[in-house]
Amino acid sequence: MARTKLSSKLLKERASARQRTRPSRGGATHGNAAAKNETYATGSNAPTTGELQLEVSIGRRVRLLRQRLQLTATELATEAGLSAGMLSKIENGGTSPSLSTLKALARALNVPLTSFFADFEERRDCSYVRVGQGVLIDRRGTKSGHRYELLGHSLSGDIVVEPYLITLSEDAVPYALFQHDGVEFIYMLTGKVIYRHADKLYPMSPGDALFFDAAAPHGPEELIQQPMTYLSIIIYPRP
């Protein structure tokens, strides 16, 4: 009888221990919810984009329009009848300008009043291109055998991004004197090439990447294995 009581006691202790170590359903649900609500980040160092405040949005727009006209802050403040300190506060999002102040700035910048709210109401761009449906680019000066397929485009903003799928066919000839504004990123997909940038040569095979200042002469110097394809992303300030 004593053995039966002892066994029952041990069983209860073991069952209690298992219950303590086993996660409850409520706890698991809470953990899943916490995981779902957790915020993740990419490997990029780009600043996180939060909700843009109206004052900050207006200030950025005023500064951008002023800089496009190549006006100093003092010149714009004088033209709009404002103090330089007040304009500085507006451009830095430190104050909410009155309607009369915005009207004065709009007259001085020769823009409609609504232009100050463009960034605040701006929709975020997204460009989707299905396989084989990129826009073929045939500009004057395009080299024979060099096929440019535009895979997307930026609709707004101060920066233009042009992603191209470039194909060099069997009859393509090398050309290493391309020059343009901005920077360029190249990722080799197929084939092999010796790519020139300024006075340096880089052997490029599938998986190799090159990022450079596009103002220097650049391009395929020697075509080793054709046909070849590579991804080219060109980034430059919007004119």
C-alpha atoms as a PDB file:
ATOM      1  CA  MET A   1       0.000   0.000   0.000  1.00  0.00           C
ATOM      2  CA  ALA A   2       2.828   2.336   0.878  1.00  0.00           C
ATOM      3  CA  ARG A   3       4.444   1.491  -2.460  1.00  0.00           C
ATOM      4  CA  THR A   4       1.252   2.481  -4.284  1.00  0.00           C
ATOM      5  CA  LYS A   5       1.085   5.827  -2.472  1.00  0.00           C
ATOM      6  CA  LEU A   6       4.739   6.489  -3.223  1.00  0.00           C
ATOM      7  CA  SER A   7       4.271   5.677  -6.880  1.00  0.00           C
ATOM      8  CA  SER A   8       1.256   7.972  -7.082  1.00  0.00           C
ATOM      9  CA  LYS A   9       3.231  10.759  -5.469  1.00  0.00           C
ATOM     10  CA  LEU A  10       6.091  10.329  -7.924  1.00  0.00           C
ATOM     11  CA  LEU A  11       3.700  10.284 -10.846  1.00  0.00           C
ATOM     12  CA  LYS A  12       2.093  13.510  -9.677  1.00  0.00           C
ATOM     13  CA  GLU A  13       5.490  15.186  -9.251  1.00  0.00           C
ATOM     14  CA  ARG A  14       6.580  14.121 -12.726  1.00  0.00           C
ATOM     15  CA  ALA A  15       3.310  15.268 -14.265  1.00  0.00           C
ATOM     16  CA  SER A  16       3.652  18.605 -12.483  1.00  0.00           C
ATOM     17  CA  ALA A  17       7.220  19.004 -13.751  1.00  0.00           C
ATOM     18  CA  ARG A  18       6.142  18.276 -17.323  1.00  0.00           C
ATOM     19  CA  GLN A  19       3.341  20.804 -17.015  1.00  0.00           C
ATOM     20  CA  ARG A  20       5.780  23.487 -15.864  1.00  0.00           C
ATOM     21  CA  THR A  21       8.188  22.885 -18.770  1.00  0.00           C
ATOM     22  CA  ARG A  22       5.499  22.557 -21.456  1.00  0.00           C
ATOM     23  CA  PRO A  23       4.569  25.918 -23.083  1.00  0.00           C
ATOM     24  CA  SER A  24       0.930  26.740 -22.635  1.00  0.00           C
ATOM     25  CA  ARG A  25      -1.305  27.378 -25.631  1.00  0.00           C
ATOM     26  CA  GLY A  26      -1.827  30.917 -24.518  1.00  0.00           C
ATOM     27  CA  GLY A  27       1.908  31.460 -24.229  1.00  0.00           C
ATOM     28  CA  ALA A  28       2.517  30.021 -27.683  1.00  0.00           C
ATOM     29  CA  THR A  29      -0.161  32.262 -29.164  1.00  0.00           C
ATOM     30  CA  HIS A  30       1.330  35.267 -27.442  1.00  0.00           C
ATOM     31  CA  GLY A  31       4.778  34.314 -28.723  1.00  0.00           C
ATOM     32  CA  ASN A  32       3.518  33.948 -32.287  1.00  0.00           C
ATOM     33  CA  ALA A  33       1.780  37.294 -32.074  1.00  0.00           C
ATOM     34  CA  ALA A  34       4.954  38.911 -30.766  1.00  0.00           C
ATOM     35  CA  ALA A  35       6.930  37.367 -33.622  1.00  0.00           C
ATOM     36  CA  LYS A  36       4.433  38.664 -36.153  1.00  0.00           C
ATOM     37  CA  ASN A  37       4.621  42.158 -34.682  1.00  0.00           C
ATOM     38  CA  GLU A  38       8.416  42.165 -34.634  1.00  0.00           C
ATOM     39  CA  THR A  39       9.980  44.678 -37.015  1.00  0.00           C
ATOM     40  CA  TYR A  40      12.723  43.425 -39.321  1.00  0.00           C
ATOM     41  CA  ALA A  41      15.326  45.426 -41.230  1.00  0.00           C
ATOM     42  CA  THR A  42      17.280  44.810 -44.433  1.00  0.00           C
ATOM     43  CA  GLY A  43      21.047  44.762 -44.627  1.00  0.00           C
ATOM     44  CA  SER A  44      21.017  48.304 -46.017  1.00  0.00           C
ATOM     45  CA  ASN A  45      22.231  51.350 -44.100  1.00  0.00           C
ATOM     46  CA  ALA A  46      19.421  53.458 -45.578  1.00  0.00           C
ATOM     47  CA  PRO A  47      17.532  55.454 -42.916  1.00  0.00           C
ATOM     48  CA  THR A  48      14.161  54.047 -41.895  1.00  0.00           C
ATOM     49  CA  THR A  49      11.251  55.857 -43.516  1.00  0.00           C
ATOM     50  CA  GLY A  50       8.678  56.855 -40.950  1.00  0.00           C
ATOM     51  CA  GLU A  51       5.455  58.758 -41.300  1.00  0.00           C
ATOM     52  CA  LEU A  52       6.320  62.149 -42.775  1.00  0.00           C
ATOM     53  CA  GLN A  53       5.017  65.104 -40.789  1.00  0.00           C
ATOM     54  CA  LEU A  54       3.341  67.863 -42.755  1.00  0.00           C
ATOM     55  CA  GLU A  55       5.716  70.565 -41.470  1.00  0.00           C
ATOM     56  CA  VAL A  56       8.777  68.509 -42.434  1.00  0.00           C
ATOM     57  CA  SER A  57       7.302  67.756 -45.861  1.00  0.00           C
ATOM     58  CA  ILE A  58       6.581  71.435 -46.567  1.00  0.00           C
ATOM     59  CA  GLY A  59      10.046  72.443 -45.373  1.00  0.00           C
ATOM     60  CA  ARG A  60      11.795  69.959 -47.639  1.00  0.00           C
ATOM     61  CA  ARG A  61       9.728  71.106 -50.586  1.00  0.00           C
ATOM     62  CA  VAL A  62      10.502  74.780 -49.969  1.00  0.00           C
ATOM     63  CA  ARG A  63      14.232  74.049 -49.772  1.00  0.00           C
ATOM     64  CA  LEU A  64      14.141  71.930 -52.944  1.00  0.00           C
ATOM     65  CA  LEU A  65      12.291  74.607 -54.939  1.00  0.00           C
ATOM     66  CA  ARG A  66      14.661  77.289 -53.658  1.00  0.00           C
ATOM     67  CA  GLN A  67      17.727  75.261 -54.613  1.00  0.00           C
ATOM     68  CA  ARG A  68      16.345  74.567 -58.076  1.00  0.00           C
ATOM     69  CA  LEU A  69      16.138  78.313 -58.631  1.00  0.00           C
ATOM     70  CA  GLN A  70      19.657  78.672 -57.206  1.00  0.00           C
ATOM     71  CA  LEU A  71      18.457  81.118 -54.586  1.00  0.00           C
ATOM     72  CA  THR A  72      20.099  81.562 -51.216  1.00  0.00           C
ATOM     73  CA  ALA A  73      17.952  81.384 -48.111  1.00  0.00           C
ATOM     74  CA  THR A  74      18.469  85.100 -47.563  1.00  0.00           C
ATOM     75  CA  GLU A  75      17.360  85.943 -51.109  1.00  0.00           C
ATOM     76  CA  LEU A  76      14.171  83.894 -50.826  1.00  0.00           C
ATOM     77  CA  ALA A  77      13.374  85.275 -47.377  1.00  0.00           C
ATOM     78  CA  THR A  78      13.736  88.839 -48.666  1.00  0.00           C
ATOM     79  CA  GLU A  79      11.597  88.135 -51.741  1.00  0.00           C
ATOM     80  CA  ALA A  80       8.852  86.568 -49.592  1.00  0.00           C
ATOM     81  CA  GLY A  81       8.986  89.232 -46.887  1.00  0.00           C
ATOM     82  CA  LEU A  82      10.196  86.834 -44.208  1.00  0.00           C
ATOM     83  CA  SER A  83      13.116  86.869 -41.822  1.00  0.00           C
ATOM     84  CA  ALA A  84      15.996  84.512 -42.564  1.00  0.00           C
ATOM     85  CA  GLY A  85      15.397  82.835 -39.196  1.00  0.00           C
ATOM     86  CA  MET A  86      11.745  82.142 -40.009  1.00  0.00           C
ATOM     87  CA  LEU A  87      12.634  80.643 -43.388  1.00  0.00           C
ATOM     88  CA  SER A  88      15.241  78.451 -41.717  1.00  0.00           C
ATOM     89  CA  LYS A  89      12.615  77.153 -39.280  1.00  0.00           C
ATOM     90  CA  ILE A  90      10.214  76.424 -42.153  1.00  0.00           C
ATOM     91  CA  GLU A  91      12.817  74.549 -44.210  1.00  0.00           C
ATOM     92  CA  ASN A  92      13.854  72.485 -41.196  1.00  0.00           C
ATOM     93  CA  GLY A  93      10.255  71.591 -40.311  1.00  0.00           C
ATOM     94  CA  GLY A  94      10.495  73.465 -37.022  1.00  0.00           C
ATOM     95  CA  THR A  95       7.304  75.481 -37.446  1.00  0.00           C
ATOM     96  CA  SER A  96       3.937  75.236 -39.129  1.00  0.00           C
ATOM     97  CA  PRO A  97       3.766  78.144 -41.613  1.00  0.00           C
ATOM     98  CA  SER A  98       0.528  80.076 -41.927  1.00  0.00           C
ATOM     99  CA  LEU A  99      -1.445  80.140 -45.159  1.00  0.00           C
ATOM    100  CA  SER A 100      -0.368  83.725 -45.824  1.00  0.00           C
ATOM    101  CA  THR A 101       3.303  82.722 -45.395  1.00  0.00           C
ATOM    102  CA  LEU A 102       2.879  79.846 -47.832  1.00  0.00           C
ATOM    103  CA  LYS A 103       1.220  82.174 -50.337  1.00  0.00           C
ATOM    104  CA  ALA A 104       4.153  84.582 -50.051  1.00  0.00           C
ATOM    105  CA  LEU A 105       6.641  81.749 -50.604  1.00  0.00           C
ATOM    106  CA  ALA A 106       4.637  80.456 -53.560  1.00  0.00           C
ATOM    107  CA  ARG A 107       4.725  83.904 -55.201  1.00  0.00           C
ATOM    108  CA  ALA A 108       8.447  84.258 -54.557  1.00  0.00           C
ATOM    109  CA  LEU A 109       9.166  80.808 -56.001  1.00  0.00           C
ATOM    110  CA  ASN A 110       6.659  81.225 -58.840  1.00  0.00           C
ATOM    111  CA  VAL A 111       4.907  77.918 -58.067  1.00  0.00           C
ATOM    112  CA  PRO A 112       1.312  77.000 -57.189  1.00  0.00           C
ATOM    113  CA  LEU A 113       0.496  76.790 -53.512  1.00  0.00           C
ATOM    114  CA  THR A 114      -0.318  73.090 -53.856  1.00  0.00           C
ATOM    115  CA  SER A 115       3.272  72.264 -54.830  1.00  0.00           C
ATOM    116  CA  PHE A 116       4.283  72.538 -51.166  1.00  0.00           C
ATOM    117  CA  PHE A 117       2.129  69.494 -50.372  1.00  0.00           C
ATOM    118  CA  ALA A 118       3.361  67.292 -53.231  1.00  0.00           C
ATOM    119  CA  ASP A 119       5.746  65.195 -51.116  1.00  0.00           C
ATOM    120  CA  PHE A 120       3.222  64.741 -48.307  1.00  0.00           C
ATOM    121  CA  GLU A 121       0.580  63.370 -50.662  1.00  0.00           C
ATOM    122  CA  GLU A 122       3.043  61.541 -52.922  1.00  0.00           C
ATOM    123  CA  ARG A 123       2.374  57.881 -53.641  1.00  0.00           C
ATOM    124  CA  ARG A 124       5.319  55.494 -53.438  1.00  0.00           C
ATOM    125  CA  ASP A 125       6.377  54.280 -56.874  1.00  0.00           C
ATOM    126  CA  CYS A 126       6.505  50.661 -57.901  1.00  0.00           C
ATOM    127  CA  SER A 127       7.403  49.408 -61.373  1.00  0.00           C
ATOM    128  CA  TYR A 128       6.616  45.792 -62.355  1.00  0.00           C
ATOM    129  CA  VAL A 129       7.873  44.275 -65.612  1.00  0.00           C
ATOM    130  CA  ARG A 130       7.153  40.682 -66.595  1.00  0.00           C
ATOM    131  CA  VAL A 131       9.836  38.543 -68.186  1.00  0.00           C
ATOM    132  CA  GLY A 132      10.559  39.523 -71.778  1.00  0.00           C
ATOM    133  CA  GLN A 133       8.418  42.670 -71.555  1.00  0.00           C
ATOM    134  CA  GLY A 134      11.084  45.263 -70.835  1.00  0.00           C
ATOM    135  CA  VAL A 135      11.231  48.339 -73.053  1.00  0.00           C
ATOM    136  CA  LEU A 136      13.834  47.994 -75.791  1.00  0.00           C
ATOM    137  CA  ILE A 137      15.937  51.161 -76.001  1.00  0.00           C
ATOM    138  CA  ASP A 138      17.220  52.211 -79.397  1.00  0.00           C
ATOM    139  CA  ARG A 139      18.898  55.598 -79.038  1.00  0.00           C
ATOM    140  CA  ARG A 140      21.122  57.392 -81.455  1.00  0.00           C
ATOM    141  CA  GLY A 141      24.660  56.189 -80.887  1.00  0.00           C
ATOM    142  CA  THR A 142      23.632  52.775 -79.549  1.00  0.00           C
ATOM    143  CA  LYS A 143      26.374  50.378 -80.584  1.00  0.00           C
ATOM    144  CA  SER A 144      25.586  47.568 -83.032  1.00  0.00           C
ATOM    145  CA  GLY A 145      25.017  44.254 -81.262  1.00  0.00           C
ATOM    146  CA  HIS A 146      24.352  45.971 -77.907  1.00  0.00           C
ATOM    147  CA  ARG A 147      20.738  45.355 -76.812  1.00  0.00           C
ATOM    148  CA  TYR A 148      19.333  47.471 -73.963  1.00  0.00           C
ATOM    149  CA  GLU A 149      16.135  46.333 -72.234  1.00  0.00           C
ATOM    150  CA  LEU A 150      14.794  48.778 -69.641  1.00  0.00           C
ATOM    151  CA  LEU A 151      13.372  46.760 -66.726  1.00  0.00           C
ATOM    152  CA  GLY A 152      11.781  49.585 -64.742  1.00  0.00           C
ATOM    153  CA  HIS A 153      11.704  53.318 -64.166  1.00  0.00           C
ATOM    154  CA  SER A 154      11.262  55.831 -61.364  1.00  0.00           C
ATOM    155  CA  LEU A 155       8.286  58.122 -61.848  1.00  0.00           C
ATOM    156  CA  SER A 156       9.166  60.849 -59.379  1.00  0.00           C
ATOM    157  CA  GLY A 157      11.750  62.007 -56.872  1.00  0.00           C
ATOM    158  CA  ASP A 158      15.103  63.724 -57.184  1.00  0.00           C
ATOM    159  CA  ILE A 159      16.962  60.570 -58.262  1.00  0.00           C
ATOM    160  CA  VAL A 160      16.545  58.664 -61.538  1.00  0.00           C
ATOM    161  CA  VAL A 161      17.185  54.908 -61.449  1.00  0.00           C
ATOM    162  CA  GLU A 162      17.442  53.005 -64.744  1.00  0.00           C
ATOM    163  CA  PRO A 163      17.836  49.206 -64.510  1.00  0.00           C
ATOM    164  CA  TYR A 164      18.854  47.628 -67.824  1.00  0.00           C
ATOM    165  CA  LEU A 165      19.321  44.070 -68.993  1.00  0.00           C
ATOM    166  CA  ILE A 166      22.145  44.407 -71.519  1.00  0.00           C
ATOM    167  CA  THR A 167      22.823  41.707 -74.084  1.00  0.00           C
ATOM    168  CA  LEU A 168      25.901  41.655 -76.321  1.00  0.00           C
ATOM    169  CA  SER A 169      25.282  39.380 -79.271  1.00  0.00           C
ATOM    170  CA  GLU A 170      27.757  37.325 -81.291  1.00  0.00           C
ATOM    171  CA  ASP A 171      28.340  40.226 -83.707  1.00  0.00           C
ATOM    172  CA  ALA A 172      28.759  42.868 -80.989  1.00  0.00           C
ATOM    173  CA  VAL A 173      31.938  44.921 -80.970  1.00  0.00           C
ATOM    174  CA  PRO A 174      33.662  46.232 -77.845  1.00  0.00           C
ATOM    175  CA  TYR A 175      33.287  49.887 -76.908  1.00  0.00           C
ATOM    176  CA  ALA A 176      34.843  51.321 -73.745  1.00  0.00           C
ATOM    177  CA  LEU A 177      34.187  55.048 -74.146  1.00  0.00           C
ATOM    178  CA  PHE A 178      30.720  55.391 -72.570  1.00  0.00           C
ATOM    179  CA  GLN A 179      30.453  58.437 -70.282  1.00  0.00           C
ATOM    180  CA  HIS A 180      27.461  59.914 -68.472  1.00  0.00           C
ATOM    181  CA  ASP A 181      26.385  61.475 -65.189  1.00  0.00           C
ATOM    182  CA  GLY A 182      25.818  59.480 -62.029  1.00  0.00           C
ATOM    183  CA  VAL A 183      26.997  56.071 -60.887  1.00  0.00           C
ATOM    184  CA  GLU A 184      26.539  52.623 -62.401  1.00  0.00           C
ATOM    185  CA  PHE A 185      26.334  49.099 -61.037  1.00  0.00           C
ATOM    186  CA  ILE A 186      26.995  46.038 -63.214  1.00  0.00           C
ATOM    187  CA  TYR A 187      26.227  42.416 -62.336  1.00  0.00           C
ATOM    188  CA  MET A 188      27.425  39.773 -64.791  1.00  0.00           C
ATOM    189  CA  LEU A 189      24.884  37.076 -65.707  1.00  0.00           C
ATOM    190  CA  THR A 190      26.286  35.121 -68.662  1.00  0.00           C
ATOM    191  CA  GLY A 191      29.392  35.211 -70.832  1.00  0.00           C
ATOM    192  CA  LYS A 192      32.765  36.746 -70.076  1.00  0.00           C
ATOM    193  CA  VAL A 193      34.190  40.210 -70.721  1.00  0.00           C
ATOM    194  CA  ILE A 194      37.110  42.444 -69.830  1.00  0.00           C
ATOM    195  CA  TYR A 195      35.421  45.634 -68.636  1.00  0.00           C
ATOM    196  CA  ARG A 196      37.244  48.960 -68.586  1.00  0.00           C
ATOM    197  CA  HIS A 197      36.710  51.786 -66.137  1.00  0.00           C
ATOM    198  CA  ALA A 198      39.048  54.755 -66.604  1.00  0.00           C
ATOM    199  CA  ASP A 199      42.574  53.250 -66.792  1.00  0.00           C
ATOM    200  CA  LYS A 200      41.760  49.905 -65.103  1.00  0.00           C
ATOM    201  CA  LEU A 201      40.553  46.602 -66.561  1.00  0.00           C
ATOM    202  CA  TYR A 202      38.321  44.112 -64.741  1.00  0.00           C
ATOM    203  CA  PRO A 203      37.718  40.483 -65.842  1.00  0.00           C
ATOM    204  CA  MET A 204      33.967  39.854 -65.479  1.00  0.00           C
ATOM    205  CA  SER A 205      32.376  36.393 -65.267  1.00  0.00           C
ATOM    206  CA  PRO A 206      28.884  35.345 -64.101  1.00  0.00           C
ATOM    207  CA  GLY A 207      28.400  36.494 -60.512  1.00  0.00           C
ATOM    208  CA  ASP A 208      31.003  39.288 -60.674  1.00  0.00           C
ATOM    209  CA  ALA A 209      29.920  42.844 -59.863  1.00  0.00           C
ATOM    210  CA  LEU A 210      31.307  46.301 -60.555  1.00  0.00           C
ATOM    211  CA  PHE A 211      30.205  49.658 -59.121  1.00  0.00           C
ATOM    212  CA  PHE A 212      31.731  52.870 -60.427  1.00  0.00           C
ATOM    213  CA  ASP A 213      31.537  56.588 -61.165  1.00  0.00           C
ATOM    214  CA  ALA A 214      30.017  56.737 -64.644  1.00  0.00           C
ATOM    215  CA  ALA A 215      31.651  60.069 -65.509  1.00  0.00           C
ATOM    216  CA  ALA A 216      34.875  58.212 -66.348  1.00  0.00           C
ATOM    217  CA  PRO A 217      35.148  56.377 -69.685  1.00  0.00           C
ATOM    218  CA  HIS A 218      33.865  52.826 -69.297  1.00  0.00           C
ATOM    219  CA  GLY A 219      32.539  49.846 -71.223  1.00  0.00           C
ATOM    220  CA  PRO A 220      33.407  46.359 -72.514  1.00  0.00           C
ATOM    221  CA  GLU A 221      37.049  46.431 -73.589  1.00  0.00           C
ATOM    222  CA  GLU A 222      37.393  42.830 -74.735  1.00  0.00           C
ATOM    223  CA  LEU A 223      34.580  40.336 -75.402  1.00  0.00           C
ATOM    224  CA  ILE A 224      35.825  36.936 -74.214  1.00  0.00           C
ATOM    225  CA  GLN A 225      32.693  34.793 -74.418  1.00  0.00           C
ATOM    226  CA  GLN A 226      29.614  35.774 -76.421  1.00  0.00           C
ATOM    227  CA  PRO A 227      26.715  36.214 -76.302  1.00  0.00           C
ATOM    228  CA  MET A 228      26.772  37.784 -72.854  1.00  0.00           C
ATOM    229  CA  THR A 229      24.226  39.427 -70.580  1.00  0.00           C
ATOM    230  CA  TYR A 230      24.611  41.630 -67.550  1.00  0.00           C
ATOM    231  CA  LEU A 231      22.433  43.777 -65.336  1.00  0.00           C
ATOM    232  CA  SER A 232      23.299  47.481 -65.452  1.00  0.00           C
ATOM    233  CA  ILE A 233      21.736  49.928 -62.975  1.00  0.00           C
ATOM    234  CA  ILE A 234      22.383  53.603 -63.675  1.00  0.00           C
ATOM    235  CA  ILE A 235      21.589  56.220 -61.028  1.00  0.00           C
ATOM    236  CA  TYR A 236      21.770  59.973 -61.543  1.00  0.00           C
ATOM    237  CA  PRO A 237      20.103  63.209 -60.330  1.00  0.00           C
ATOM    238  CA  ARG A 238      16.862  64.071 -62.085  1.00  0.00           C
ATOM    239  CA  PRO A 239      17.482  67.042 -64.433  1.00  0.00           C
END
